[in-house]
Amino acid sequence: MGIRLPSKIHNSKQVLKLQSLLSRNQTSAVPKGHCAVYVGEIQKKRFVVPISYLNHPDFRDLLHLAEEKFGFDHPMGGLTIPCEEGLFIDLTSRLNSMGVM
């Protein structure tokens, strides 16, 4: 019995390590050069956008809106933009078609 215990502990550690890696990948799968933003007025949806979008004047307008509403206390724990999802998708589509990367 004493011989099997270390192998069970080792297997448990491997399972916990795998679970930890999987949970990290689900929440932080943001490629280098991008950032996650939460968009919506009631229901928040997560989007990953290139950081270059943050410098565009239209995107900055949304950031100012977020600053006015939330200040630096974001309820989702990240950058939250209080606008309609459709408006955000239209803006990011325009930025993408303009070649803002």
PDB file of N, CA and C in Angstrom:
ATOM      1  N   MET A   1       0.808  -1.178   0.000  1.00  0.00           N
ATOM      2  CA  MET A   1       0.000   0.000   0.000  1.00  0.00           C
ATOM      3  C   MET A   1       0.857   1.250   0.000  1.00  0.00           C
ATOM      4  N   GLY A   2       1.918   1.276   0.801  1.00  0.00           N
ATOM      5  CA  GLY A   2       2.794   2.439   0.892  1.00  0.00           C
ATOM      6  C   GLY A   2       3.502   2.738  -0.421  1.00  0.00           C
ATOM      7  N   ILE A   3       3.705   1.732  -1.244  1.00  0.00           N
ATOM      8  CA  ILE A   3       4.381   1.924  -2.518  1.00  0.00           C
ATOM      9  C   ILE A   3       3.474   2.621  -3.522  1.00  0.00           C
ATOM     10  N   ARG A   4       2.196   2.340  -3.496  1.00  0.00           N
ATOM     11  CA  ARG A   4       1.261   2.933  -4.447  1.00  0.00           C
ATOM     12  C   ARG A   4       0.932   4.386  -4.122  1.00  0.00           C
ATOM     13  N   LEU A   5       1.043   4.780  -2.897  1.00  0.00           N
ATOM     14  CA  LEU A   5       0.678   6.126  -2.485  1.00  0.00           C
ATOM     15  C   LEU A   5       1.467   7.203  -3.234  1.00  0.00           C
ATOM     16  N   PRO A   6       2.777   7.107  -3.361  1.00  0.00           N
ATOM     17  CA  PRO A   6       3.500   8.138  -4.110  1.00  0.00           C
ATOM     18  C   PRO A   6       3.051   8.251  -5.568  1.00  0.00           C
ATOM     19  N   SER A   7       2.725   7.124  -6.198  1.00  0.00           N
ATOM     20  CA  SER A   7       2.285   7.204  -7.591  1.00  0.00           C
ATOM     21  C   SER A   7       0.924   7.883  -7.681  1.00  0.00           C
ATOM     22  N   LYS A   8       0.039   7.661  -6.696  1.00  0.00           N
ATOM     23  CA  LYS A   8      -1.253   8.338  -6.681  1.00  0.00           C
ATOM     24  C   LYS A   8      -1.078   9.834  -6.447  1.00  0.00           C
ATOM     25  N   ILE A   9      -0.174  10.198  -5.569  1.00  0.00           N
ATOM     26  CA  ILE A   9       0.103  11.615  -5.332  1.00  0.00           C
ATOM     27  C   ILE A   9       0.664  12.244  -6.595  1.00  0.00           C
ATOM     28  N   HIS A  10       1.582  11.557  -7.247  1.00  0.00           N
ATOM     29  CA  HIS A  10       2.166  12.064  -8.486  1.00  0.00           C
ATOM     30  C   HIS A  10       1.090  12.261  -9.563  1.00  0.00           C
ATOM     31  N   ASN A  11       0.196  11.269  -9.706  1.00  0.00           N
ATOM     32  CA  ASN A  11      -0.892  11.384 -10.680  1.00  0.00           C
ATOM     33  C   ASN A  11      -1.826  12.533 -10.337  1.00  0.00           C
ATOM     34  N   SER A  12      -2.125  12.723  -9.055  1.00  0.00           N
ATOM     35  CA  SER A  12      -2.987  13.826  -8.630  1.00  0.00           C
ATOM     36  C   SER A  12      -2.351  15.161  -8.958  1.00  0.00           C
ATOM     37  N   LYS A  13      -1.048  15.266  -8.747  1.00  0.00           N
ATOM     38  CA  LYS A  13      -0.339  16.511  -9.072  1.00  0.00           C
ATOM     39  C   LYS A  13      -0.396  16.784 -10.568  1.00  0.00           C
ATOM     40  N   GLN A  14      -0.265  15.749 -11.379  1.00  0.00           N
ATOM     41  CA  GLN A  14      -0.338  15.925 -12.829  1.00  0.00           C
ATOM     42  C   GLN A  14      -1.727  16.393 -13.254  1.00  0.00           C
ATOM     43  N   VAL A  15      -2.765  15.832 -12.656  1.00  0.00           N
ATOM     44  CA  VAL A  15      -4.140  16.230 -12.982  1.00  0.00           C
ATOM     45  C   VAL A  15      -4.365  17.686 -12.595  1.00  0.00           C
ATOM     46  N   LEU A  16      -3.925  18.066 -11.391  1.00  0.00           N
ATOM     47  CA  LEU A  16      -4.096  19.452 -10.949  1.00  0.00           C
ATOM     48  C   LEU A  16      -3.325  20.422 -11.839  1.00  0.00           C
ATOM     49  N   LYS A  17      -2.122  20.034 -12.250  1.00  0.00           N
ATOM     50  CA  LYS A  17      -1.320  20.887 -13.125  1.00  0.00           C
ATOM     51  C   LYS A  17      -2.019  21.058 -14.474  1.00  0.00           C
ATOM     52  N   LEU A  18      -2.560  19.985 -15.023  1.00  0.00           N
ATOM     53  CA  LEU A  18      -3.275  20.035 -16.294  1.00  0.00           C
ATOM     54  C   LEU A  18      -4.520  20.907 -16.180  1.00  0.00           C
ATOM     55  N   GLN A  19      -5.285  20.756 -15.091  1.00  0.00           N
ATOM     56  CA  GLN A  19      -6.475  21.581 -14.890  1.00  0.00           C
ATOM     57  C   GLN A  19      -6.102  23.052 -14.792  1.00  0.00           C
ATOM     58  N   SER A  20      -5.014  23.341 -14.123  1.00  0.00           N
ATOM     59  CA  SER A  20      -4.559  24.723 -13.986  1.00  0.00           C
ATOM     60  C   SER A  20      -4.183  25.311 -15.341  1.00  0.00           C
ATOM     61  N   LEU A  21      -3.475  24.536 -16.149  1.00  0.00           N
ATOM     62  CA  LEU A  21      -3.092  25.000 -17.481  1.00  0.00           C
ATOM     63  C   LEU A  21      -4.311  25.227 -18.370  1.00  0.00           C
ATOM     64  N   LEU A  22      -5.267  24.316 -18.303  1.00  0.00           N
ATOM     65  CA  LEU A  22      -6.472  24.446 -19.113  1.00  0.00           C
ATOM     66  C   LEU A  22      -7.279  25.675 -18.703  1.00  0.00           C
ATOM     67  N   SER A  23      -7.416  25.917 -17.419  1.00  0.00           N
ATOM     68  CA  SER A  23      -8.199  27.073 -16.981  1.00  0.00           C
ATOM     69  C   SER A  23      -7.494  28.368 -17.353  1.00  0.00           C
ATOM     70  N   ARG A  24      -6.182  28.402 -17.303  1.00  0.00           N
ATOM     71  CA  ARG A  24      -5.439  29.602 -17.707  1.00  0.00           C
ATOM     72  C   ARG A  24      -5.611  29.866 -19.189  1.00  0.00           C
ATOM     73  N   ASN A  25      -5.575  28.825 -20.012  1.00  0.00           N
ATOM     74  CA  ASN A  25      -5.715  28.992 -21.458  1.00  0.00           C
ATOM     75  C   ASN A  25      -7.090  29.505 -21.839  1.00  0.00           C
ATOM     76  N   GLN A  26      -8.126  29.124 -21.118  1.00  0.00           N
ATOM     77  CA  GLN A  26      -9.478  29.567 -21.447  1.00  0.00           C
ATOM     78  C   GLN A  26      -9.662  31.041 -21.148  1.00  0.00           C
ATOM     79  N   THR A  27      -9.042  31.549 -20.108  1.00  0.00           N
ATOM     80  CA  THR A  27      -9.271  32.931 -19.712  1.00  0.00           C
ATOM     81  C   THR A  27      -8.243  33.897 -20.269  1.00  0.00           C
ATOM     82  N   SER A  28      -7.078  33.435 -20.640  1.00  0.00           N
ATOM     83  CA  SER A  28      -6.042  34.374 -21.049  1.00  0.00           C
ATOM     84  C   SER A  28      -5.501  34.100 -22.446  1.00  0.00           C
ATOM     85  N   ALA A  29      -6.305  33.566 -23.325  1.00  0.00           N
ATOM     86  CA  ALA A  29      -5.847  33.268 -24.679  1.00  0.00           C
ATOM     87  C   ALA A  29      -5.865  34.530 -25.523  1.00  0.00           C
ATOM     88  N   VAL A  30      -4.945  35.450 -25.202  1.00  0.00           N
ATOM     89  CA  VAL A  30      -4.834  36.704 -25.944  1.00  0.00           C
ATOM     90  C   VAL A  30      -3.463  36.715 -26.611  1.00  0.00           C
ATOM     91  N   PRO A  31      -3.444  36.741 -27.946  1.00  0.00           N
ATOM     92  CA  PRO A  31      -2.160  36.735 -28.642  1.00  0.00           C
ATOM     93  C   PRO A  31      -1.348  37.992 -28.359  1.00  0.00           C
ATOM     94  N   LYS A  32      -0.061  37.876 -28.520  1.00  0.00           N
ATOM     95  CA  LYS A  32       0.829  39.014 -28.341  1.00  0.00           C
ATOM     96  C   LYS A  32       0.407  40.139 -29.294  1.00  0.00           C
ATOM     97  N   GLY A  33       0.389  41.379 -28.793  1.00  0.00           N
ATOM     98  CA  GLY A  33       0.003  42.517 -29.611  1.00  0.00           C
ATOM     99  C   GLY A  33      -1.496  42.767 -29.648  1.00  0.00           C
ATOM    100  N   HIS A  34      -2.240  42.056 -28.820  1.00  0.00           N
ATOM    101  CA  HIS A  34      -3.698  42.196 -28.750  1.00  0.00           C
ATOM    102  C   HIS A  34      -4.122  42.432 -27.302  1.00  0.00           C
ATOM    103  N   CYS A  35      -5.363  42.857 -27.114  1.00  0.00           N
ATOM    104  CA  CYS A  35      -5.905  42.969 -25.766  1.00  0.00           C
ATOM    105  C   CYS A  35      -7.358  42.526 -25.779  1.00  0.00           C
ATOM    106  N   ALA A  36      -7.814  42.084 -24.634  1.00  0.00           N
ATOM    107  CA  ALA A  36      -9.202  41.650 -24.492  1.00  0.00           C
ATOM    108  C   ALA A  36     -10.035  42.822 -23.995  1.00  0.00           C
ATOM    109  N   VAL A  37     -11.205  43.005 -24.590  1.00  0.00           N
ATOM    110  CA  VAL A  37     -12.148  44.016 -24.133  1.00  0.00           C
ATOM    111  C   VAL A  37     -13.507  43.360 -23.972  1.00  0.00           C
ATOM    112  N   TYR A  38     -14.276  43.859 -23.031  1.00  0.00           N
ATOM    113  CA  TYR A  38     -15.629  43.377 -22.798  1.00  0.00           C
ATOM    114  C   TYR A  38     -16.588  44.446 -23.292  1.00  0.00           C
ATOM    115  N   VAL A  39     -17.512  44.053 -24.157  1.00  0.00           N
ATOM    116  CA  VAL A  39     -18.387  45.004 -24.831  1.00  0.00           C
ATOM    117  C   VAL A  39     -19.837  44.665 -24.545  1.00  0.00           C
ATOM    118  N   GLY A  40     -20.623  45.696 -24.303  1.00  0.00           N
ATOM    119  CA  GLY A  40     -22.055  45.524 -24.107  1.00  0.00           C
ATOM    120  C   GLY A  40     -22.558  46.419 -23.011  1.00  0.00           C
ATOM    121  N   GLU A  41     -23.834  46.738 -23.094  1.00  0.00           N
ATOM    122  CA  GLU A  41     -24.423  47.590 -22.072  1.00  0.00           C
ATOM    123  C   GLU A  41     -24.981  46.762 -20.915  1.00  0.00           C
ATOM    124  N   ILE A  42     -25.566  45.612 -21.223  1.00  0.00           N
ATOM    125  CA  ILE A  42     -26.112  44.745 -20.175  1.00  0.00           C
ATOM    126  C   ILE A  42     -25.321  43.444 -20.136  1.00  0.00           C
ATOM    127  N   GLN A  43     -25.393  42.687 -21.210  1.00  0.00           N
ATOM    128  CA  GLN A  43     -24.649  41.433 -21.346  1.00  0.00           C
ATOM    129  C   GLN A  43     -23.290  41.756 -21.960  1.00  0.00           C
ATOM    130  N   LYS A  44     -22.212  41.407 -21.297  1.00  0.00           N
ATOM    131  CA  LYS A  44     -20.860  41.705 -21.786  1.00  0.00           C
ATOM    132  C   LYS A  44     -20.333  40.531 -22.606  1.00  0.00           C
ATOM    133  N   LYS A  45     -19.748  40.850 -23.747  1.00  0.00           N
ATOM    134  CA  LYS A  45     -19.136  39.824 -24.596  1.00  0.00           C
ATOM    135  C   LYS A  45     -17.658  40.164 -24.754  1.00  0.00           C
ATOM    136  N   ARG A  46     -16.825  39.168 -24.699  1.00  0.00           N
ATOM    137  CA  ARG A  46     -15.376  39.365 -24.773  1.00  0.00           C
ATOM    138  C   ARG A  46     -14.921  39.361 -26.224  1.00  0.00           C
ATOM    139  N   PHE A  47     -14.118  40.385 -26.583  1.00  0.00           N
ATOM    140  CA  PHE A  47     -13.499  40.475 -27.898  1.00  0.00           C
ATOM    141  C   PHE A  47     -12.000  40.649 -27.707  1.00  0.00           C
ATOM    142  N   VAL A  48     -11.231  40.149 -28.645  1.00  0.00           N
ATOM    143  CA  VAL A  48      -9.780  40.341 -28.648  1.00  0.00           C
ATOM    144  C   VAL A  48      -9.446  41.190 -29.857  1.00  0.00           C
ATOM    145  N   VAL A  49      -8.821  42.354 -29.600  1.00  0.00           N
ATOM    146  CA  VAL A  49      -8.521  43.308 -30.674  1.00  0.00           C
ATOM    147  C   VAL A  49      -7.035  43.650 -30.671  1.00  0.00           C
ATOM    148  N   PRO A  50      -6.497  44.037 -31.835  1.00  0.00           N
ATOM    149  CA  PRO A  50      -5.102  44.485 -31.879  1.00  0.00           C
ATOM    150  C   PRO A  50      -4.927  45.757 -31.041  1.00  0.00           C
ATOM    151  N   ILE A  51      -3.814  45.884 -30.360  1.00  0.00           N
ATOM    152  CA  ILE A  51      -3.599  47.071 -29.526  1.00  0.00           C
ATOM    153  C   ILE A  51      -3.495  48.338 -30.365  1.00  0.00           C
ATOM    154  N   SER A  52      -3.200  48.206 -31.655  1.00  0.00           N
ATOM    155  CA  SER A  52      -3.128  49.383 -32.514  1.00  0.00           C
ATOM    156  C   SER A  52      -4.486  50.086 -32.616  1.00  0.00           C
ATOM    157  N   TYR A  53      -5.580  49.362 -32.397  1.00  0.00           N
ATOM    158  CA  TYR A  53      -6.913  49.979 -32.423  1.00  0.00           C
ATOM    159  C   TYR A  53      -7.052  51.039 -31.329  1.00  0.00           C
ATOM    160  N   LEU A  54      -6.336  50.867 -30.237  1.00  0.00           N
ATOM    161  CA  LEU A  54      -6.470  51.778 -29.102  1.00  0.00           C
ATOM    162  C   LEU A  54      -6.053  53.211 -29.446  1.00  0.00           C
ATOM    163  N   ASN A  55      -5.252  53.389 -30.475  1.00  0.00           N
ATOM    164  CA  ASN A  55      -4.807  54.727 -30.871  1.00  0.00           C
ATOM    165  C   ASN A  55      -5.722  55.403 -31.877  1.00  0.00           C
ATOM    166  N   HIS A  56      -6.649  54.677 -32.454  1.00  0.00           N
ATOM    167  CA  HIS A  56      -7.533  55.262 -33.464  1.00  0.00           C
ATOM    168  C   HIS A  56      -8.553  56.185 -32.785  1.00  0.00           C
ATOM    169  N   PRO A  57      -8.810  57.379 -33.370  1.00  0.00           N
ATOM    170  CA  PRO A  57      -9.722  58.347 -32.750  1.00  0.00           C
ATOM    171  C   PRO A  57     -11.119  57.794 -32.452  1.00  0.00           C
ATOM    172  N   ASP A  58     -11.684  56.982 -33.336  1.00  0.00           N
ATOM    173  CA  ASP A  58     -13.018  56.425 -33.080  1.00  0.00           C
ATOM    174  C   ASP A  58     -13.003  55.450 -31.904  1.00  0.00           C
ATOM    175  N   PHE A  59     -11.938  54.676 -31.805  1.00  0.00           N
ATOM    176  CA  PHE A  59     -11.832  53.729 -30.696  1.00  0.00           C
ATOM    177  C   PHE A  59     -11.589  54.491 -29.394  1.00  0.00           C
ATOM    178  N   ARG A  60     -10.829  55.577 -29.482  1.00  0.00           N
ATOM    179  CA  ARG A  60     -10.591  56.401 -28.294  1.00  0.00           C
ATOM    180  C   ARG A  60     -11.881  57.004 -27.761  1.00  0.00           C
ATOM    181  N   ASP A  61     -12.813  57.320 -28.660  1.00  0.00           N
ATOM    182  CA  ASP A  61     -14.114  57.815 -28.211  1.00  0.00           C
ATOM    183  C   ASP A  61     -14.794  56.776 -27.320  1.00  0.00           C
ATOM    184  N   LEU A  62     -14.707  55.511 -27.716  1.00  0.00           N
ATOM    185  CA  LEU A  62     -15.284  54.444 -26.896  1.00  0.00           C
ATOM    186  C   LEU A  62     -14.549  54.313 -25.560  1.00  0.00           C
ATOM    187  N   LEU A  63     -13.236  54.512 -25.590  1.00  0.00           N
ATOM    188  CA  LEU A  63     -12.460  54.438 -24.351  1.00  0.00           C
ATOM    189  C   LEU A  63     -12.839  55.577 -23.400  1.00  0.00           C
ATOM    190  N   HIS A  64     -13.093  56.760 -23.951  1.00  0.00           N
ATOM    191  CA  HIS A  64     -13.525  57.884 -23.116  1.00  0.00           C
ATOM    192  C   HIS A  64     -14.900  57.606 -22.504  1.00  0.00           C
ATOM    193  N   LEU A  65     -15.764  56.968 -23.283  1.00  0.00           N
ATOM    194  CA  LEU A  65     -17.081  56.576 -22.776  1.00  0.00           C
ATOM    195  C   LEU A  65     -16.920  55.612 -21.595  1.00  0.00           C
ATOM    196  N   ALA A  66     -16.021  54.656 -21.749  1.00  0.00           N
ATOM    197  CA  ALA A  66     -15.753  53.687 -20.681  1.00  0.00           C
ATOM    198  C   ALA A  66     -15.190  54.396 -19.447  1.00  0.00           C
ATOM    199  N   GLU A  67     -14.316  55.365 -19.664  1.00  0.00           N
ATOM    200  CA  GLU A  67     -13.725  56.109 -18.551  1.00  0.00           C
ATOM    201  C   GLU A  67     -14.796  56.895 -17.792  1.00  0.00           C
ATOM    202  N   GLU A  68     -15.723  57.517 -18.531  1.00  0.00           N
ATOM    203  CA  GLU A  68     -16.788  58.282 -17.897  1.00  0.00           C
ATOM    204  C   GLU A  68     -17.709  57.384 -17.069  1.00  0.00           C
ATOM    205  N   LYS A  69     -17.999  56.211 -17.592  1.00  0.00           N
ATOM    206  CA  LYS A  69     -18.933  55.318 -16.905  1.00  0.00           C
ATOM    207  C   LYS A  69     -18.289  54.568 -15.752  1.00  0.00           C
ATOM    208  N   PHE A  70     -17.085  54.039 -15.967  1.00  0.00           N
ATOM    209  CA  PHE A  70     -16.468  53.159 -14.976  1.00  0.00           C
ATOM    210  C   PHE A  70     -15.268  53.754 -14.267  1.00  0.00           C
ATOM    211  N   GLY A  71     -14.647  54.790 -14.812  1.00  0.00           N
ATOM    212  CA  GLY A  71     -13.383  55.253 -14.255  1.00  0.00           C
ATOM    213  C   GLY A  71     -12.358  54.151 -14.433  1.00  0.00           C
ATOM    214  N   PHE A  72     -11.643  53.856 -13.368  1.00  0.00           N
ATOM    215  CA  PHE A  72     -10.671  52.775 -13.460  1.00  0.00           C
ATOM    216  C   PHE A  72     -11.139  51.527 -12.717  1.00  0.00           C
ATOM    217  N   ASP A  73     -12.404  51.512 -12.323  1.00  0.00           N
ATOM    218  CA  ASP A  73     -12.977  50.380 -11.609  1.00  0.00           C
ATOM    219  C   ASP A  73     -13.868  49.600 -12.565  1.00  0.00           C
ATOM    220  N   HIS A  74     -13.277  48.684 -13.312  1.00  0.00           N
ATOM    221  CA  HIS A  74     -14.015  47.917 -14.312  1.00  0.00           C
ATOM    222  C   HIS A  74     -14.617  46.677 -13.672  1.00  0.00           C
ATOM    223  N   PRO A  75     -15.949  46.502 -13.744  1.00  0.00           N
ATOM    224  CA  PRO A  75     -16.593  45.376 -13.089  1.00  0.00           C
ATOM    225  C   PRO A  75     -16.186  44.011 -13.627  1.00  0.00           C
ATOM    226  N   MET A  76     -15.736  43.938 -14.884  1.00  0.00           N
ATOM    227  CA  MET A  76     -15.357  42.649 -15.460  1.00  0.00           C
ATOM    228  C   MET A  76     -13.893  42.315 -15.191  1.00  0.00           C
ATOM    229  N   GLY A  77     -13.181  43.211 -14.510  1.00  0.00           N
ATOM    230  CA  GLY A  77     -11.777  42.965 -14.231  1.00  0.00           C
ATOM    231  C   GLY A  77     -10.880  43.263 -15.416  1.00  0.00           C
ATOM    232  N   GLY A  78     -11.401  43.861 -16.447  1.00  0.00           N
ATOM    233  CA  GLY A  78     -10.627  44.214 -17.629  1.00  0.00           C
ATOM    234  C   GLY A  78     -11.221  45.454 -18.258  1.00  0.00           C
ATOM    235  N   LEU A  79     -10.811  45.720 -19.453  1.00  0.00           N
ATOM    236  CA  LEU A  79     -11.308  46.881 -20.170  1.00  0.00           C
ATOM    237  C   LEU A  79     -12.741  46.619 -20.622  1.00  0.00           C
ATOM    238  N   THR A  80     -13.679  47.396 -20.089  1.00  0.00           N
ATOM    239  CA  THR A  80     -15.097  47.219 -20.398  1.00  0.00           C
ATOM    240  C   THR A  80     -15.591  48.429 -21.168  1.00  0.00           C
ATOM    241  N   ILE A  81     -16.207  48.208 -22.315  1.00  0.00           N
ATOM    242  CA  ILE A  81     -16.704  49.297 -23.158  1.00  0.00           C
ATOM    243  C   ILE A  81     -18.229  49.232 -23.179  1.00  0.00           C
ATOM    244  N   PRO A  82     -18.872  50.287 -22.658  1.00  0.00           N
ATOM    245  CA  PRO A  82     -20.334  50.280 -22.567  1.00  0.00           C
ATOM    246  C   PRO A  82     -21.008  50.776 -23.844  1.00  0.00           C
ATOM    247  N   CYS A  83     -20.999  49.956 -24.875  1.00  0.00           N
ATOM    248  CA  CYS A  83     -21.691  50.314 -26.113  1.00  0.00           C
ATOM    249  C   CYS A  83     -22.363  49.063 -26.658  1.00  0.00           C
ATOM    250  N   GLU A  84     -23.213  49.248 -27.643  1.00  0.00           N
ATOM    251  CA  GLU A  84     -23.878  48.092 -28.242  1.00  0.00           C
ATOM    252  C   GLU A  84     -22.858  47.236 -28.984  1.00  0.00           C
ATOM    253  N   GLU A  85     -23.072  45.950 -28.915  1.00  0.00           N
ATOM    254  CA  GLU A  85     -22.166  45.008 -29.572  1.00  0.00           C
ATOM    255  C   GLU A  85     -22.081  45.270 -31.076  1.00  0.00           C
ATOM    256  N   GLY A  86     -23.211  45.570 -31.709  1.00  0.00           N
ATOM    257  CA  GLY A  86     -23.234  45.842 -33.149  1.00  0.00           C
ATOM    258  C   GLY A  86     -22.392  47.046 -33.524  1.00  0.00           C
ATOM    259  N   LEU A  87     -22.450  48.099 -32.717  1.00  0.00           N
ATOM    260  CA  LEU A  87     -21.635  49.298 -32.955  1.00  0.00           C
ATOM    261  C   LEU A  87     -20.154  48.958 -32.876  1.00  0.00           C
ATOM    262  N   PHE A  88     -19.789  48.162 -31.883  1.00  0.00           N
ATOM    263  CA  PHE A  88     -18.391  47.771 -31.716  1.00  0.00           C
ATOM    264  C   PHE A  88     -17.913  46.929 -32.894  1.00  0.00           C
ATOM    265  N   ILE A  89     -18.747  46.005 -33.345  1.00  0.00           N
ATOM    266  CA  ILE A  89     -18.378  45.151 -34.482  1.00  0.00           C
ATOM    267  C   ILE A  89     -18.232  45.989 -35.745  1.00  0.00           C
ATOM    268  N   ASP A  90     -19.132  46.962 -35.945  1.00  0.00           N
ATOM    269  CA  ASP A  90     -19.010  47.855 -37.101  1.00  0.00           C
ATOM    270  C   ASP A  90     -17.696  48.627 -37.065  1.00  0.00           C
ATOM    271  N   LEU A  91     -17.356  49.170 -35.902  1.00  0.00           N
ATOM    272  CA  LEU A  91     -16.119  49.939 -35.766  1.00  0.00           C
ATOM    273  C   LEU A  91     -14.899  49.073 -36.035  1.00  0.00           C
ATOM    274  N   THR A  92     -14.839  47.904 -35.437  1.00  0.00           N
ATOM    275  CA  THR A  92     -13.665  47.055 -35.633  1.00  0.00           C
ATOM    276  C   THR A  92     -13.580  46.551 -37.072  1.00  0.00           C
ATOM    277  N   SER A  93     -14.726  46.343 -37.715  1.00  0.00           N
ATOM    278  CA  SER A  93     -14.717  45.946 -39.131  1.00  0.00           C
ATOM    279  C   SER A  93     -14.154  47.070 -40.000  1.00  0.00           C
ATOM    280  N   ARG A  94     -14.567  48.310 -39.699  1.00  0.00           N
ATOM    281  CA  ARG A  94     -14.034  49.457 -40.453  1.00  0.00           C
ATOM    282  C   ARG A  94     -12.538  49.608 -40.242  1.00  0.00           C
ATOM    283  N   LEU A  95     -12.101  49.478 -39.005  1.00  0.00           N
ATOM    284  CA  LEU A  95     -10.672  49.595 -38.721  1.00  0.00           C
ATOM    285  C   LEU A  95      -9.881  48.506 -39.428  1.00  0.00           C
ATOM    286  N   ASN A  96     -10.431  47.320 -39.454  1.00  0.00           N
ATOM    287  CA  ASN A  96      -9.776  46.205 -40.127  1.00  0.00           C
ATOM    288  C   ASN A  96      -9.690  46.459 -41.629  1.00  0.00           C
ATOM    289  N   SER A  97     -10.786  46.961 -42.235  1.00  0.00           N
ATOM    290  CA  SER A  97     -10.782  47.214 -43.677  1.00  0.00           C
ATOM    291  C   SER A  97      -9.864  48.386 -44.038  1.00  0.00           C
ATOM    292  N   MET A  98      -9.634  49.303 -43.071  1.00  0.00           N
ATOM    293  CA  MET A  98      -8.724  50.415 -43.299  1.00  0.00           C
ATOM    294  C   MET A  98      -7.269  49.987 -43.151  1.00  0.00           C
ATOM    295  N   GLY A  99      -7.071  48.792 -42.660  1.00  0.00           N
ATOM    296  CA  GLY A  99      -5.707  48.289 -42.497  1.00  0.00           C
ATOM    297  C   GLY A  99      -5.061  48.702 -41.195  1.00  0.00           C
ATOM    298  N   VAL A 100      -5.857  49.146 -40.228  1.00  0.00           N
ATOM    299  CA  VAL A 100      -5.297  49.483 -38.909  1.00  0.00           C
ATOM    300  C   VAL A 100      -4.937  48.176 -38.236  1.00  0.00           C
ATOM    301  N   MET A 101      -3.670  47.952 -38.049  1.00  0.00           N
ATOM    302  CA  MET A 101      -3.207  46.708 -37.426  1.00  0.00           C
ATOM    303  C   MET A 101      -2.249  46.997 -36.343  1.00  0.00           C
TER     304      MET A 101
END
